[in-house]
Amino acid sequence: MADVPADLKYTKDHEWARIDGHRVTVGITQHAVDQLGDVTLVGLDVKVGGALTAGKPFGTVESVKAVSDLFAPVSGTLVEVNASLNSNPEKVNESPYDAGWMVVIEVADASALGELLDASAYGAYLGSL
């Protein structure tokens, strides 16, 4: 089974969320990376200051195998993007939980964070696939 860090929250769309107060850093999980193969492009459809809606696409990840949508784990305002992925998308493969992060969202409603899966629940979900 893929690496599932205990300090993160997860979605069934294989995004992870690192919660820091009302800000959430988002990326894709090791499981998603394993399924995609070598990431060749990360394309974001929103700009800093733009609104994101939980469960709605905010960009795509392209790999040698497929193009996959990125889904916002929570609703809020985009406050930061990992611009280094424009020239170094391989960071997603090399370090999906650290250098390969994608965006930071200022959460609109902190209670929505409770809807995300913890590591145990996400691990169980992976085991059911």
C-alpha atoms as a PDB file:
ATOM      1  CA  MET A   1       0.000   0.000   0.000  1.00  0.00           C
ATOM      2  CA  ALA A   2       1.142   3.543  -0.756  1.00  0.00           C
ATOM      3  CA  ASP A   3       2.584   5.849   1.890  1.00  0.00           C
ATOM      4  CA  VAL A   4      -0.175   7.545   3.955  1.00  0.00           C
ATOM      5  CA  PRO A   5       1.295  10.158   6.363  1.00  0.00           C
ATOM      6  CA  ALA A   6      -0.706  10.317   9.595  1.00  0.00           C
ATOM      7  CA  ASP A   7      -0.532  14.115   9.929  1.00  0.00           C
ATOM      8  CA  LEU A   8      -2.520  14.809   6.741  1.00  0.00           C
ATOM      9  CA  LYS A   9      -6.181  14.626   5.724  1.00  0.00           C
ATOM     10  CA  TYR A  10      -7.325  13.016   2.471  1.00  0.00           C
ATOM     11  CA  THR A  11     -10.060  12.864  -0.145  1.00  0.00           C
ATOM     12  CA  LYS A  12     -11.321   9.884  -2.115  1.00  0.00           C
ATOM     13  CA  ASP A  13     -10.012  11.720  -5.188  1.00  0.00           C
ATOM     14  CA  HIS A  14      -6.481  11.114  -3.820  1.00  0.00           C
ATOM     15  CA  GLU A  15      -5.656  14.659  -2.783  1.00  0.00           C
ATOM     16  CA  TRP A  16      -4.024  15.339   0.556  1.00  0.00           C
ATOM     17  CA  ALA A  17      -4.514  18.376   2.789  1.00  0.00           C
ATOM     18  CA  ARG A  18      -2.086  19.734   5.381  1.00  0.00           C
ATOM     19  CA  ILE A  19      -4.104  21.907   7.750  1.00  0.00           C
ATOM     20  CA  ASP A  20      -2.484  24.957   9.361  1.00  0.00           C
ATOM     21  CA  GLY A  21      -5.161  27.054  11.044  1.00  0.00           C
ATOM     22  CA  HIS A  22      -7.480  28.265   8.282  1.00  0.00           C
ATOM     23  CA  ARG A  23      -4.971  27.488   5.538  1.00  0.00           C
ATOM     24  CA  VAL A  24      -4.756  24.155   3.772  1.00  0.00           C
ATOM     25  CA  THR A  25      -1.835  23.077   1.608  1.00  0.00           C
ATOM     26  CA  VAL A  26      -2.967  20.626  -1.077  1.00  0.00           C
ATOM     27  CA  GLY A  27      -1.254  18.042  -3.259  1.00  0.00           C
ATOM     28  CA  ILE A  28      -1.822  14.562  -4.635  1.00  0.00           C
ATOM     29  CA  THR A  29      -1.128  11.382  -2.709  1.00  0.00           C
ATOM     30  CA  GLN A  30       1.573   8.811  -3.315  1.00  0.00           C
ATOM     31  CA  HIS A  31      -1.181   6.470  -4.511  1.00  0.00           C
ATOM     32  CA  ALA A  32      -2.164   9.002  -7.199  1.00  0.00           C
ATOM     33  CA  VAL A  33       1.486   9.425  -8.209  1.00  0.00           C
ATOM     34  CA  ASP A  34       1.887   5.652  -8.456  1.00  0.00           C
ATOM     35  CA  GLN A  35      -1.195   5.418 -10.683  1.00  0.00           C
ATOM     36  CA  LEU A  36      -0.161   8.330 -12.918  1.00  0.00           C
ATOM     37  CA  GLY A  37       3.477   7.492 -13.483  1.00  0.00           C
ATOM     38  CA  ASP A  38       5.924  10.285 -14.347  1.00  0.00           C
ATOM     39  CA  VAL A  39       4.217  13.666 -13.990  1.00  0.00           C
ATOM     40  CA  THR A  40       5.032  15.911 -16.956  1.00  0.00           C
ATOM     41  CA  LEU A  41       2.784  18.949 -16.303  1.00  0.00           C
ATOM     42  CA  VAL A  42       0.746  20.499 -13.515  1.00  0.00           C
ATOM     43  CA  GLY A  43      -1.853  22.915 -14.897  1.00  0.00           C
ATOM     44  CA  LEU A  44      -3.847  25.142 -12.551  1.00  0.00           C
ATOM     45  CA  ASP A  45      -7.099  26.698 -13.774  1.00  0.00           C
ATOM     46  CA  VAL A  46      -7.333  29.351 -11.036  1.00  0.00           C
ATOM     47  CA  LYS A  47      -5.156  32.267 -10.057  1.00  0.00           C
ATOM     48  CA  VAL A  48      -4.184  33.551  -6.610  1.00  0.00           C
ATOM     49  CA  GLY A  49      -7.239  35.301  -5.192  1.00  0.00           C
ATOM     50  CA  GLY A  50      -9.625  33.026  -7.093  1.00  0.00           C
ATOM     51  CA  ALA A  51     -12.374  31.004  -5.447  1.00  0.00           C
ATOM     52  CA  LEU A  52     -12.244  27.214  -5.180  1.00  0.00           C
ATOM     53  CA  THR A  53     -15.237  24.991  -4.457  1.00  0.00           C
ATOM     54  CA  ALA A  54     -14.902  21.697  -2.596  1.00  0.00           C
ATOM     55  CA  GLY A  55     -15.148  18.747  -4.962  1.00  0.00           C
ATOM     56  CA  LYS A  56     -14.772  20.882  -8.088  1.00  0.00           C
ATOM     57  CA  PRO A  57     -11.732  20.729 -10.392  1.00  0.00           C
ATOM     58  CA  PHE A  58      -9.075  23.433 -10.041  1.00  0.00           C
ATOM     59  CA  GLY A  59      -6.538  22.060 -12.508  1.00  0.00           C
ATOM     60  CA  THR A  60      -4.986  18.984 -14.043  1.00  0.00           C
ATOM     61  CA  VAL A  61      -1.978  16.743 -13.690  1.00  0.00           C
ATOM     62  CA  GLU A  62      -0.554  15.267 -16.869  1.00  0.00           C
ATOM     63  CA  SER A  63       1.679  12.238 -16.900  1.00  0.00           C
ATOM     64  CA  VAL A  64       3.078   9.778 -19.371  1.00  0.00           C
ATOM     65  CA  LYS A  65      -0.023   7.627 -18.728  1.00  0.00           C
ATOM     66  CA  ALA A  66      -2.965  10.022 -18.349  1.00  0.00           C
ATOM     67  CA  VAL A  67      -4.417  13.451 -17.659  1.00  0.00           C
ATOM     68  CA  SER A  68      -6.243  13.679 -14.331  1.00  0.00           C
ATOM     69  CA  ASP A  69      -8.308  16.451 -12.784  1.00  0.00           C
ATOM     70  CA  LEU A  70      -7.281  17.999  -9.480  1.00  0.00           C
ATOM     71  CA  PHE A  71     -10.201  18.523  -7.102  1.00  0.00           C
ATOM     72  CA  ALA A  72     -10.356  21.066  -4.281  1.00  0.00           C
ATOM     73  CA  PRO A  73     -10.686  19.279  -0.933  1.00  0.00           C
ATOM     74  CA  VAL A  74     -12.297  22.375   0.634  1.00  0.00           C
ATOM     75  CA  SER A  75     -13.932  25.610  -0.512  1.00  0.00           C
ATOM     76  CA  GLY A  76     -12.053  28.853  -0.122  1.00  0.00           C
ATOM     77  CA  THR A  77      -9.702  31.339  -1.715  1.00  0.00           C
ATOM     78  CA  LEU A  78      -6.489  30.361  -3.473  1.00  0.00           C
ATOM     79  CA  VAL A  79      -3.684  32.177  -1.641  1.00  0.00           C
ATOM     80  CA  GLU A  80      -0.558  30.504  -3.020  1.00  0.00           C
ATOM     81  CA  VAL A  81       0.576  28.231  -5.839  1.00  0.00           C
ATOM     82  CA  ASN A  82       3.734  26.159  -6.093  1.00  0.00           C
ATOM     83  CA  ALA A  83       5.168  27.987  -9.102  1.00  0.00           C
ATOM     84  CA  SER A  84       8.252  25.741  -9.091  1.00  0.00           C
ATOM     85  CA  LEU A  85       6.075  22.960 -10.550  1.00  0.00           C
ATOM     86  CA  ASN A  86       5.844  24.928 -13.814  1.00  0.00           C
ATOM     87  CA  SER A  87       9.461  24.136 -14.611  1.00  0.00           C
ATOM     88  CA  ASN A  88       9.907  21.103 -12.343  1.00  0.00           C
ATOM     89  CA  PRO A  89       6.719  18.981 -12.387  1.00  0.00           C
ATOM     90  CA  GLU A  90       8.821  15.959 -11.432  1.00  0.00           C
ATOM     91  CA  LYS A  91       8.778  17.292  -7.838  1.00  0.00           C
ATOM     92  CA  VAL A  92       5.324  15.720  -7.605  1.00  0.00           C
ATOM     93  CA  ASN A  93       6.863  12.276  -8.236  1.00  0.00           C
ATOM     94  CA  GLU A  94       9.942  12.868  -6.100  1.00  0.00           C
ATOM     95  CA  SER A  95       8.212  14.374  -3.068  1.00  0.00           C
ATOM     96  CA  PRO A  96       4.390  14.411  -3.319  1.00  0.00           C
ATOM     97  CA  TYR A  97       3.902  15.362   0.345  1.00  0.00           C
ATOM     98  CA  ASP A  98       6.573  18.075   0.534  1.00  0.00           C
ATOM     99  CA  ALA A  99       8.185  19.785  -2.475  1.00  0.00           C
ATOM    100  CA  GLY A 100       5.380  18.522  -4.749  1.00  0.00           C
ATOM    101  CA  TRP A 101       2.574  20.457  -3.032  1.00  0.00           C
ATOM    102  CA  MET A 102       0.328  22.349  -5.462  1.00  0.00           C
ATOM    103  CA  VAL A 103      -1.773  25.069  -3.842  1.00  0.00           C
ATOM    104  CA  VAL A 104      -2.624  26.724  -0.536  1.00  0.00           C
ATOM    105  CA  ILE A 105      -6.285  27.512   0.146  1.00  0.00           C
ATOM    106  CA  GLU A 106      -7.666  29.925   2.760  1.00  0.00           C
ATOM    107  CA  VAL A 107     -10.639  27.896   3.993  1.00  0.00           C
ATOM    108  CA  ALA A 108     -14.066  29.546   3.781  1.00  0.00           C
ATOM    109  CA  ASP A 109     -15.680  27.312   6.428  1.00  0.00           C
ATOM    110  CA  ALA A 110     -13.376  25.531   8.872  1.00  0.00           C
ATOM    111  CA  SER A 111     -16.094  23.001   9.760  1.00  0.00           C
ATOM    112  CA  ALA A 112     -15.653  21.512   6.273  1.00  0.00           C
ATOM    113  CA  LEU A 113     -12.226  20.231   7.338  1.00  0.00           C
ATOM    114  CA  GLY A 114     -14.005  17.596   9.427  1.00  0.00           C
ATOM    115  CA  GLU A 115     -15.345  16.000   6.245  1.00  0.00           C
ATOM    116  CA  LEU A 116     -11.863  14.994   5.082  1.00  0.00           C
ATOM    117  CA  LEU A 117     -10.580  11.475   5.717  1.00  0.00           C
ATOM    118  CA  ASP A 118      -7.897  10.833   8.318  1.00  0.00           C
ATOM    119  CA  ALA A 119      -4.955   8.585   7.434  1.00  0.00           C
ATOM    120  CA  SER A 120      -6.625   5.463   8.830  1.00  0.00           C
ATOM    121  CA  ALA A 121      -9.844   6.009   6.864  1.00  0.00           C
ATOM    122  CA  TYR A 122      -7.918   6.823   3.682  1.00  0.00           C
ATOM    123  CA  GLY A 123      -5.757   3.727   4.125  1.00  0.00           C
ATOM    124  CA  ALA A 124      -8.916   1.635   4.528  1.00  0.00           C
ATOM    125  CA  TYR A 125     -10.348   3.250   1.400  1.00  0.00           C
ATOM    126  CA  LEU A 126      -7.183   2.372  -0.563  1.00  0.00           C
ATOM    127  CA  GLY A 127      -7.475  -1.186   0.692  1.00  0.00           C
ATOM    128  CA  SER A 128     -11.002  -1.399  -0.722  1.00  0.00           C
ATOM    129  CA  LEU A 129      -9.982  -0.371  -4.252  1.00  0.00           C
END
